PDB file of N, CA and C in Angstrom:
ATOM      1  N   MET A   1      91.039  93.554 107.032  1.00  0.00           N
ATOM      2  CA  MET A   1      90.439  93.906 104.646  1.00  0.00           C
ATOM      3  C   MET A   1      91.673  95.442 105.418  1.00  0.00           C
ATOM      4  N   LEU A   2      91.064  95.799 106.287  1.00  0.00           N
ATOM      5  CA  LEU A   2      91.497  97.337 106.110  1.00  0.00           C
ATOM      6  C   LEU A   2      93.262  97.831 106.260  1.00  0.00           C
ATOM      7  N   GLN A   3      93.938  96.880 106.495  1.00  0.00           N
ATOM      8  CA  GLN A   3      95.306  96.982 106.612  1.00  0.00           C
ATOM      9  C   GLN A   3      95.436  96.192 104.467  1.00  0.00           C
ATOM     10  N   ALA A   4      94.824  95.690 103.907  1.00  0.00           N
ATOM     11  CA  ALA A   4      94.273  95.638 102.666  1.00  0.00           C
ATOM     12  C   ALA A   4      94.537  96.686 101.274  1.00  0.00           C
ATOM     13  N   VAL A   5      93.565  97.892 102.118  1.00  0.00           N
ATOM     14  CA  VAL A   5      93.502  98.494 101.262  1.00  0.00           C
ATOM     15  C   VAL A   5      93.962 100.030 101.908  1.00  0.00           C
ATOM     16  N   THR A   6      94.983  99.977 102.987  1.00  0.00           N
ATOM     17  CA  THR A   6      96.045 101.421 102.694  1.00  0.00           C
ATOM     18  C   THR A   6      97.719 100.791 102.638  1.00  0.00           C
ATOM     19  N   SER A   7      98.784 101.963 101.963  1.00  0.00           N
ATOM     20  CA  SER A   7      99.724 100.921 102.979  1.00  0.00           C
ATOM     21  C   SER A   7     100.454 101.684 104.079  1.00  0.00           C
ATOM     22  N   ASP A   8      99.470 102.044 104.535  1.00  0.00           N
ATOM     23  CA  ASP A   8      99.496 103.037 106.465  1.00  0.00           C
ATOM     24  C   ASP A   8      99.398 101.957 107.063  1.00  0.00           C
ATOM     25  N   ASP A   9     100.799 101.330 108.426  1.00  0.00           N
ATOM     26  CA  ASP A   9     100.291 100.418 109.487  1.00  0.00           C
ATOM     27  C   ASP A   9      98.571 100.444 110.289  1.00  0.00           C
ATOM     28  N   VAL A  10      97.841 100.129 109.739  1.00  0.00           N
ATOM     29  CA  VAL A  10      96.759  99.535 111.036  1.00  0.00           C
ATOM     30  C   VAL A  10      96.558  98.807 111.951  1.00  0.00           C
ATOM     31  N   SER A  11      97.181  97.163 111.988  1.00  0.00           N
ATOM     32  CA  SER A  11      97.169  96.533 112.928  1.00  0.00           C
ATOM     33  C   SER A  11      97.866  97.764 115.011  1.00  0.00           C
ATOM     34  N   HIS A  12      97.779  95.916 115.961  1.00  0.00           N
ATOM     35  CA  HIS A  12      96.953  97.394 117.325  1.00  0.00           C
ATOM     36  C   HIS A  12      98.489  97.272 117.604  1.00  0.00           C
ATOM     37  N   ALA A  13     100.052  97.018 116.984  1.00  0.00           N
ATOM     38  CA  ALA A  13     101.097  97.477 117.878  1.00  0.00           C
ATOM     39  C   ALA A  13     101.219  98.722 116.793  1.00  0.00           C
ATOM     40  N   GLY A  14     100.395  99.182 115.602  1.00  0.00           N
ATOM     41  CA  GLY A  14     101.234 100.192 115.149  1.00  0.00           C
ATOM     42  C   GLY A  14      99.759 101.538 115.065  1.00  0.00           C
ATOM     43  N   PHE A  15      98.896 101.268 115.279  1.00  0.00           N
ATOM     44  CA  PHE A  15      97.522 101.801 114.972  1.00  0.00           C
ATOM     45  C   PHE A  15      96.534 101.925 116.050  1.00  0.00           C
ATOM     46  N   GLY A  16      97.562 102.453 117.667  1.00  0.00           N
ATOM     47  CA  GLY A  16      96.152 102.148 118.770  1.00  0.00           C
ATOM     48  C   GLY A  16      95.111 102.253 119.615  1.00  0.00           C
ATOM     49  N   PHE A  17      94.299 101.036 119.915  1.00  0.00           N
ATOM     50  CA  PHE A  17      93.192 101.360 120.400  1.00  0.00           C
ATOM     51  C   PHE A  17      92.640 102.639 121.203  1.00  0.00           C
ATOM     52  N   GLY A  18      91.603 103.179 120.249  1.00  0.00           N
ATOM     53  CA  GLY A  18      91.697 105.196 120.563  1.00  0.00           C
ATOM     54  C   GLY A  18      92.302 106.549 119.598  1.00  0.00           C
ATOM     55  N   SER A  19      93.341 105.458 119.159  1.00  0.00           N
ATOM     56  CA  SER A  19      93.230 106.853 118.495  1.00  0.00           C
ATOM     57  C   SER A  19      93.549 106.893 117.216  1.00  0.00           C
ATOM     58  N   CYS A  20      94.054 108.441 116.611  1.00  0.00           N
ATOM     59  CA  CYS A  20      92.694 108.483 115.926  1.00  0.00           C
ATOM     60  C   CYS A  20      94.732 109.303 114.609  1.00  0.00           C
ATOM     61  N   ARG A  21      94.658 109.333 113.711  1.00  0.00           N
ATOM     62  CA  ARG A  21      95.513 109.620 112.294  1.00  0.00           C
ATOM     63  C   ARG A  21      94.942 109.741 112.010  1.00  0.00           C
ATOM     64  N   GLU A  22      95.843 111.080 110.164  1.00  0.00           N
ATOM     65  CA  GLU A  22      94.978 110.643 108.568  1.00  0.00           C
ATOM     66  C   GLU A  22      96.006 108.855 108.177  1.00  0.00           C
ATOM     67  N   ILE A  23      94.283 108.646 106.586  1.00  0.00           N
ATOM     68  CA  ILE A  23      95.843 107.361 106.283  1.00  0.00           C
ATOM     69  C   ILE A  23      95.055 107.746 105.078  1.00  0.00           C
ATOM     70  N   GLU A  24      94.767 106.617 104.095  1.00  0.00           N
ATOM     71  CA  GLU A  24      94.567 106.724 102.747  1.00  0.00           C
ATOM     72  C   GLU A  24      94.115 105.390 102.735  1.00  0.00           C
ATOM     73  N   ILE A  25      93.044 105.423 102.054  1.00  0.00           N
ATOM     74  CA  ILE A  25      92.330 104.562 101.703  1.00  0.00           C
ATOM     75  C   ILE A  25      91.660 104.912  99.517  1.00  0.00           C
ATOM     76  N   GLY A  26      91.691 103.960  99.229  1.00  0.00           N
ATOM     77  CA  GLY A  26      91.749 104.090  98.032  1.00  0.00           C
ATOM     78  C   GLY A  26      92.189 105.953  96.711  1.00  0.00           C
ATOM     79  N   GLY A  27      93.448 106.213  97.765  1.00  0.00           N
ATOM     80  CA  GLY A  27      93.768 107.415  97.005  1.00  0.00           C
ATOM     81  C   GLY A  27      92.789 108.597  97.825  1.00  0.00           C
ATOM     82  N   VAL A  28      91.848 108.652  99.053  1.00  0.00           N
ATOM     83  CA  VAL A  28      91.520 109.135  99.713  1.00  0.00           C
ATOM     84  C   VAL A  28      91.804 109.266 101.102  1.00  0.00           C
ATOM     85  N   THR A  29      92.735 110.660 101.279  1.00  0.00           N
ATOM     86  CA  THR A  29      93.106 110.817 102.949  1.00  0.00           C
ATOM     87  C   THR A  29      91.487 110.495 103.929  1.00  0.00           C
ATOM     88  N   VAL A  30      91.569 110.164 104.765  1.00  0.00           N
ATOM     89  CA  VAL A  30      90.898 109.599 105.464  1.00  0.00           C
ATOM     90  C   VAL A  30      90.991 109.815 107.012  1.00  0.00           C
ATOM     91  N   LEU A  31      90.295 110.663 107.980  1.00  0.00           N
ATOM     92  CA  LEU A  31      90.482 110.437 109.632  1.00  0.00           C
ATOM     93  C   LEU A  31      90.026 108.930 109.629  1.00  0.00           C
ATOM     94  N   ALA A  32      90.917 108.844 110.287  1.00  0.00           N
ATOM     95  CA  ALA A  32      91.114 106.748 110.555  1.00  0.00           C
ATOM     96  C   ALA A  32      91.063 107.234 112.384  1.00  0.00           C
ATOM     97  N   SER A  33      89.736 106.415 112.661  1.00  0.00           N
ATOM     98  CA  SER A  33      90.127 106.122 114.466  1.00  0.00           C
ATOM     99  C   SER A  33      90.099 104.730 115.120  1.00  0.00           C
ATOM    100  N   ALA A  34      90.545 104.834 115.141  1.00  0.00           N
ATOM    101  CA  ALA A  34      90.951 102.726 115.524  1.00  0.00           C
ATOM    102  C   ALA A  34      89.843 102.681 117.042  1.00  0.00           C
ATOM    103  N   SER A  35      88.426 102.201 116.825  1.00  0.00           N
ATOM    104  CA  SER A  35      87.698 101.807 117.918  1.00  0.00           C
ATOM    105  C   SER A  35      87.357 100.219 117.339  1.00  0.00           C
ATOM    106  N   PRO A  36      86.327  99.076 118.267  1.00  0.00           N
ATOM    107  CA  PRO A  36      86.131  98.363 118.085  1.00  0.00           C
ATOM    108  C   PRO A  36      84.855  98.637 116.686  1.00  0.00           C
ATOM    109  N   THR A  37      84.751  99.524 115.376  1.00  0.00           N
ATOM    110  CA  THR A  37      84.079  99.304 114.420  1.00  0.00           C
ATOM    111  C   THR A  37      85.302  99.816 113.652  1.00  0.00           C
ATOM    112  N   TRP A  38      86.726 100.528 113.541  1.00  0.00           N
ATOM    113  CA  TRP A  38      86.928 101.312 113.374  1.00  0.00           C
ATOM    114  C   TRP A  38      85.739 102.097 112.758  1.00  0.00           C
ATOM    115  N   ALA A  39      86.576 103.900 112.471  1.00  0.00           N
ATOM    116  CA  ALA A  39      85.247 104.793 112.070  1.00  0.00           C
ATOM    117  C   ALA A  39      86.076 105.550 111.141  1.00  0.00           C
ATOM    118  N   SER A  40      85.872 107.233 109.594  1.00  0.00           N
ATOM    119  CA  SER A  40      85.917 107.313 109.515  1.00  0.00           C
ATOM    120  C   SER A  40      86.467 108.525 108.955  1.00  0.00           C
ATOM    121  N   TRP A  41      86.798 109.386 108.898  1.00  0.00           N
ATOM    122  CA  TRP A  41      85.676 110.889 108.467  1.00  0.00           C
ATOM    123  C   TRP A  41      86.494 111.748 107.589  1.00  0.00           C
ATOM    124  N   LEU A  42      86.129 112.100 106.310  1.00  0.00           N
ATOM    125  CA  LEU A  42      86.661 112.919 104.549  1.00  0.00           C
ATOM    126  C   LEU A  42      85.916 113.656 105.600  1.00  0.00           C
ATOM    127  N   GLY A  43      85.264 114.748 106.399  1.00  0.00           N
ATOM    128  CA  GLY A  43      85.917 115.925 105.750  1.00  0.00           C
ATOM    129  C   GLY A  43      84.866 116.507 104.829  1.00  0.00           C
ATOM    130  N   THR A  44      84.615 118.174 104.877  1.00  0.00           N
ATOM    131  CA  THR A  44      83.418 118.232 103.505  1.00  0.00           C
ATOM    132  C   THR A  44      84.420 118.797 102.235  1.00  0.00           C
ATOM    133  N   ALA A  45      85.170 119.402 102.658  1.00  0.00           N
ATOM    134  CA  ALA A  45      86.868 119.370 101.601  1.00  0.00           C
ATOM    135  C   ALA A  45      87.150 118.220 100.521  1.00  0.00           C
ATOM    136  N   ARG A  46      86.425 116.828 101.012  1.00  0.00           N
ATOM    137  CA  ARG A  46      87.304 116.228 100.969  1.00  0.00           C
ATOM    138  C   ARG A  46      85.727 115.087 100.035  1.00  0.00           C
ATOM    139  N   ALA A  47      84.758 115.128  99.529  1.00  0.00           N
ATOM    140  CA  ALA A  47      83.547 114.803  99.362  1.00  0.00           C
ATOM    141  C   ALA A  47      82.780 114.824  98.663  1.00  0.00           C
ATOM    142  N   HIS A  48      83.264 115.992  97.344  1.00  0.00           N
ATOM    143  CA  HIS A  48      83.522 115.293  95.399  1.00  0.00           C
ATOM    144  C   HIS A  48      83.624 114.113  95.499  1.00  0.00           C
ATOM    145  N   GLY A  49      82.883 113.356  95.568  1.00  0.00           N
ATOM    146  CA  GLY A  49      83.219 111.982  94.858  1.00  0.00           C
ATOM    147  C   GLY A  49      84.133 110.918  96.185  1.00  0.00           C
ATOM    148  N   ALA A  50      84.535 111.420  96.538  1.00  0.00           N
ATOM    149  CA  ALA A  50      85.333 110.295  97.862  1.00  0.00           C
ATOM    150  C   ALA A  50      84.949 109.677  98.572  1.00  0.00           C
ATOM    151  N   GLY A  51      83.556 109.481  99.422  1.00  0.00           N
ATOM    152  CA  GLY A  51      82.978 109.509  99.455  1.00  0.00           C
ATOM    153  C   GLY A  51      82.915 108.003  98.918  1.00  0.00           C
ATOM    154  N   ALA A  52      82.457 108.474  98.422  1.00  0.00           N
ATOM    155  CA  ALA A  52      81.959 106.534  96.998  1.00  0.00           C
ATOM    156  C   ALA A  52      83.530 106.128  96.913  1.00  0.00           C
ATOM    157  N   ARG A  53      83.822 106.654  96.158  1.00  0.00           N
ATOM    158  CA  ARG A  53      85.752 105.613  96.432  1.00  0.00           C
ATOM    159  C   ARG A  53      85.746 105.145  98.018  1.00  0.00           C
ATOM    160  N   VAL A  54      86.318 106.053  98.670  1.00  0.00           N
ATOM    161  CA  VAL A  54      86.139 105.025  99.804  1.00  0.00           C
ATOM    162  C   VAL A  54      84.782 103.822  99.633  1.00  0.00           C
ATOM    163  N   TRP A  55      84.107 103.765  99.577  1.00  0.00           N
ATOM    164  CA  TRP A  55      83.282 102.795 100.136  1.00  0.00           C
ATOM    165  C   TRP A  55      83.508 101.911  98.531  1.00  0.00           C
ATOM    166  N   ASP A  56      83.721 101.271  97.317  1.00  0.00           N
ATOM    167  CA  ASP A  56      84.100 101.324  97.278  1.00  0.00           C
ATOM    168  C   ASP A  56      85.295 100.597  96.926  1.00  0.00           C
ATOM    169  N   THR A  57      86.153 100.875  97.753  1.00  0.00           N
ATOM    170  CA  THR A  57      87.496 100.224  97.451  1.00  0.00           C
ATOM    171  C   THR A  57      87.069  99.509  99.143  1.00  0.00           C
ATOM    172  N   LEU A  58      86.694  99.773 100.085  1.00  0.00           N
ATOM    173  CA  LEU A  58      86.286  99.371 101.557  1.00  0.00           C
ATOM    174  C   LEU A  58      85.569  97.780 101.167  1.00  0.00           C
ATOM    175  N   TRP A  59      84.618  98.016 100.081  1.00  0.00           N
ATOM    176  CA  TRP A  59      83.505  96.981  99.468  1.00  0.00           C
ATOM    177  C   TRP A  59      84.156  95.953  98.967  1.00  0.00           C
ATOM    178  N   ASP A  60      84.829  96.591  97.584  1.00  0.00           N
ATOM    179  CA  ASP A  60      85.584  95.726  97.189  1.00  0.00           C
ATOM    180  C   ASP A  60      86.480  94.269  97.725  1.00  0.00           C
ATOM    181  N   ALA A  61      86.747  95.379  98.853  1.00  0.00           N
ATOM    182  CA  ALA A  61      88.419  94.579  99.404  1.00  0.00           C
ATOM    183  C   ALA A  61      87.453  93.074 101.036  1.00  0.00           C
ATOM    184  N   GLY A  62      86.196  94.037 100.571  1.00  0.00           N
ATOM    185  CA  GLY A  62      85.445  93.055 102.355  1.00  0.00           C
ATOM    186  C   GLY A  62      84.596  92.095 101.724  1.00  0.00           C
ATOM    187  N   VAL A  63      83.710  91.698 100.143  1.00  0.00           N
ATOM    188  CA  VAL A  63      82.677  91.699  99.722  1.00  0.00           C
ATOM    189  C   VAL A  63      83.761  89.484 100.010  1.00  0.00           C
ATOM    190  N   PRO A  64      84.701  89.489 100.013  1.00  0.00           N
ATOM    191  CA  PRO A  64      84.894  88.439  99.687  1.00  0.00           C
ATOM    192  C   PRO A  64      85.244  87.325 100.727  1.00  0.00           C
ATOM    193  N   HIS A  65      85.504  88.573 102.645  1.00  0.00           N
ATOM    194  CA  HIS A  65      84.645  87.986 103.273  1.00  0.00           C
ATOM    195  C   HIS A  65      84.106  87.678 104.099  1.00  0.00           C
ATOM    196  N   GLY A  66      82.626  88.656 103.350  1.00  0.00           N
ATOM    197  CA  GLY A  66      81.305  88.401 104.346  1.00  0.00           C
ATOM    198  C   GLY A  66      80.923  89.946 104.231  1.00  0.00           C
ATOM    199  N   LEU A  67      81.157  90.798 104.341  1.00  0.00           N
ATOM    200  CA  LEU A  67      81.294  92.075 105.138  1.00  0.00           C
ATOM    201  C   LEU A  67      80.288  92.742 103.963  1.00  0.00           C
ATOM    202  N   VAL A  68      79.435  93.358 104.466  1.00  0.00           N
ATOM    203  CA  VAL A  68      76.880  92.981 104.237  1.00  0.00           C
ATOM    204  C   VAL A  68      76.968  94.514 104.916  1.00  0.00           C
ATOM    205  N   PRO A  69      76.976  95.891 103.857  1.00  0.00           N
ATOM    206  CA  PRO A  69      75.707  96.918 103.882  1.00  0.00           C
ATOM    207  C   PRO A  69      75.075  96.911 105.624  1.00  0.00           C
ATOM    208  N   VAL A  70      75.375  97.684 106.399  1.00  0.00           N
ATOM    209  CA  VAL A  70      73.967  97.940 107.868  1.00  0.00           C
ATOM    210  C   VAL A  70      73.620  99.261 107.721  1.00  0.00           C
ATOM    211  N   GLY A  71      73.393  99.254 108.581  1.00  0.00           N
ATOM    212  CA  GLY A  71      72.507 100.826 108.740  1.00  0.00           C
ATOM    213  C   GLY A  71      72.367 101.733 109.356  1.00  0.00           C
ATOM    214  N   ILE A  72      71.729 103.302 109.187  1.00  0.00           N
ATOM    215  CA  ILE A  72      72.413 103.609 109.919  1.00  0.00           C
ATOM    216  C   ILE A  72      71.753 103.636 112.039  1.00  0.00           C
ATOM    217  N   GLY A  73      71.003 102.712 112.322  1.00  0.00           N
ATOM    218  CA  GLY A  73      69.809 102.164 112.763  1.00  0.00           C
ATOM    219  C   GLY A  73      70.464 102.252 114.162  1.00  0.00           C
ATOM    220  N   VAL A  74      72.651 101.605 113.529  1.00  0.00           N
ATOM    221  CA  VAL A  74      72.839 100.929 114.936  1.00  0.00           C
ATOM    222  C   VAL A  74      72.959 102.838 116.106  1.00  0.00           C
ATOM    223  N   TYR A  75      73.741 103.187 115.874  1.00  0.00           N
ATOM    224  CA  TYR A  75      73.003 104.768 116.114  1.00  0.00           C
ATOM    225  C   TYR A  75      72.417 104.480 117.295  1.00  0.00           C
ATOM    226  N   GLY A  76      71.425 104.762 116.910  1.00  0.00           N
ATOM    227  CA  GLY A  76      70.160 104.471 117.962  1.00  0.00           C
ATOM    228  C   GLY A  76      70.350 103.199 119.216  1.00  0.00           C
ATOM    229  N   THR A  77      70.838 102.310 118.893  1.00  0.00           N
ATOM    230  CA  THR A  77      71.242 101.361 119.956  1.00  0.00           C
ATOM    231  C   THR A  77      72.676 101.190 120.626  1.00  0.00           C
ATOM    232  N   LYS A  78      72.983 100.120 119.927  1.00  0.00           N
ATOM    233  CA  LYS A  78      74.401 100.338 120.858  1.00  0.00           C
ATOM    234  C   LYS A  78      75.917 101.295 119.681  1.00  0.00           C
ATOM    235  N   GLY A  79      75.741 101.603 118.923  1.00  0.00           N
ATOM    236  CA  GLY A  79      76.812 102.954 118.815  1.00  0.00           C
ATOM    237  C   GLY A  79      76.694 104.292 119.868  1.00  0.00           C
ATOM    238  N   ARG A  80      74.785 104.081 120.012  1.00  0.00           N
ATOM    239  CA  ARG A  80      75.031 105.518 120.895  1.00  0.00           C
ATOM    240  C   ARG A  80      75.297 105.200 122.469  1.00  0.00           C
ATOM    241  N   LEU A  81      75.472 103.467 123.143  1.00  0.00           N
ATOM    242  CA  LEU A  81      76.205 103.296 124.158  1.00  0.00           C
ATOM    243  C   LEU A  81      77.978 103.385 124.253  1.00  0.00           C
ATOM    244  N   GLU A  82      77.694 102.800 122.593  1.00  0.00           N
ATOM    245  CA  GLU A  82      79.484 102.869 122.660  1.00  0.00           C
ATOM    246  C   GLU A  82      80.523 104.127 123.280  1.00  0.00           C
ATOM    247  N   LYS A  83      79.431 104.454 123.182  1.00  0.00           N
ATOM    248  CA  LYS A  83      80.061 106.233 122.763  1.00  0.00           C
ATOM    249  C   LYS A  83      79.761 107.257 124.168  1.00  0.00           C
ATOM    250  N   GLY A  84      78.193 106.867 124.920  1.00  0.00           N
ATOM    251  CA  GLY A  84      78.756 106.698 125.595  1.00  0.00           C
ATOM    252  C   GLY A  84      77.408 108.595 125.747  1.00  0.00           C
ATOM    253  N   TYR A  85      77.215 107.713 124.639  1.00  0.00           N
ATOM    254  CA  TYR A  85      75.532 108.790 125.126  1.00  0.00           C
ATOM    255  C   TYR A  85      74.778 108.959 125.515  1.00  0.00           C
ATOM    256  N   ALA A  86      74.077 109.978 125.830  1.00  0.00           N
ATOM    257  CA  ALA A  86      72.865 109.887 126.765  1.00  0.00           C
ATOM    258  C   ALA A  86      71.124 109.206 125.592  1.00  0.00           C
ATOM    259  N   PRO A  87      70.690 107.615 126.313  1.00  0.00           N
ATOM    260  CA  PRO A  87      69.525 107.698 125.585  1.00  0.00           C
ATOM    261  C   PRO A  87      68.059 109.051 125.518  1.00  0.00           C
ATOM    262  N   THR A  88      68.584 108.980 123.665  1.00  0.00           N
ATOM    263  CA  THR A  88      66.573 109.569 123.106  1.00  0.00           C
ATOM    264  C   THR A  88      65.520 109.477 123.809  1.00  0.00           C
ATOM    265  N   ALA A  89      64.783 109.887 124.158  1.00  0.00           N
ATOM    266  CA  ALA A  89      63.229 109.953 123.374  1.00  0.00           C
ATOM    267  C   ALA A  89      62.511 109.013 122.306  1.00  0.00           C
ATOM    268  N   THR A  90      61.734 108.952 122.691  1.00  0.00           N
ATOM    269  CA  THR A  90      61.570 107.993 121.848  1.00  0.00           C
ATOM    270  C   THR A  90      59.127 108.144 122.418  1.00  0.00           C
ATOM    271  N   SER A  91      58.556 108.488 121.410  1.00  0.00           N
ATOM    272  CA  SER A  91      56.853 108.507 121.253  1.00  0.00           C
ATOM    273  C   SER A  91      56.416 107.317 121.067  1.00  0.00           C
TER     274      SER A  91
END
């Protein structure tokens, strides 16, 4: 899906696991990280409307493939474990 929205090479051979580099999505330059779930960082300088443009571009490309939005709750479980973060205390 990501390859469909960028002219940059995001294949396994062209963008190895664990690497980071800038790519363009929907006319916005993002810092992309090749991880099991992919990640992108817009930075504060590009925040004005850029996030919505990237979201819309990815959404439009992904819906035909079954893309669904999920909440930030992943950071309390799997995301924290993947990144090696220590568990948080709960009350």
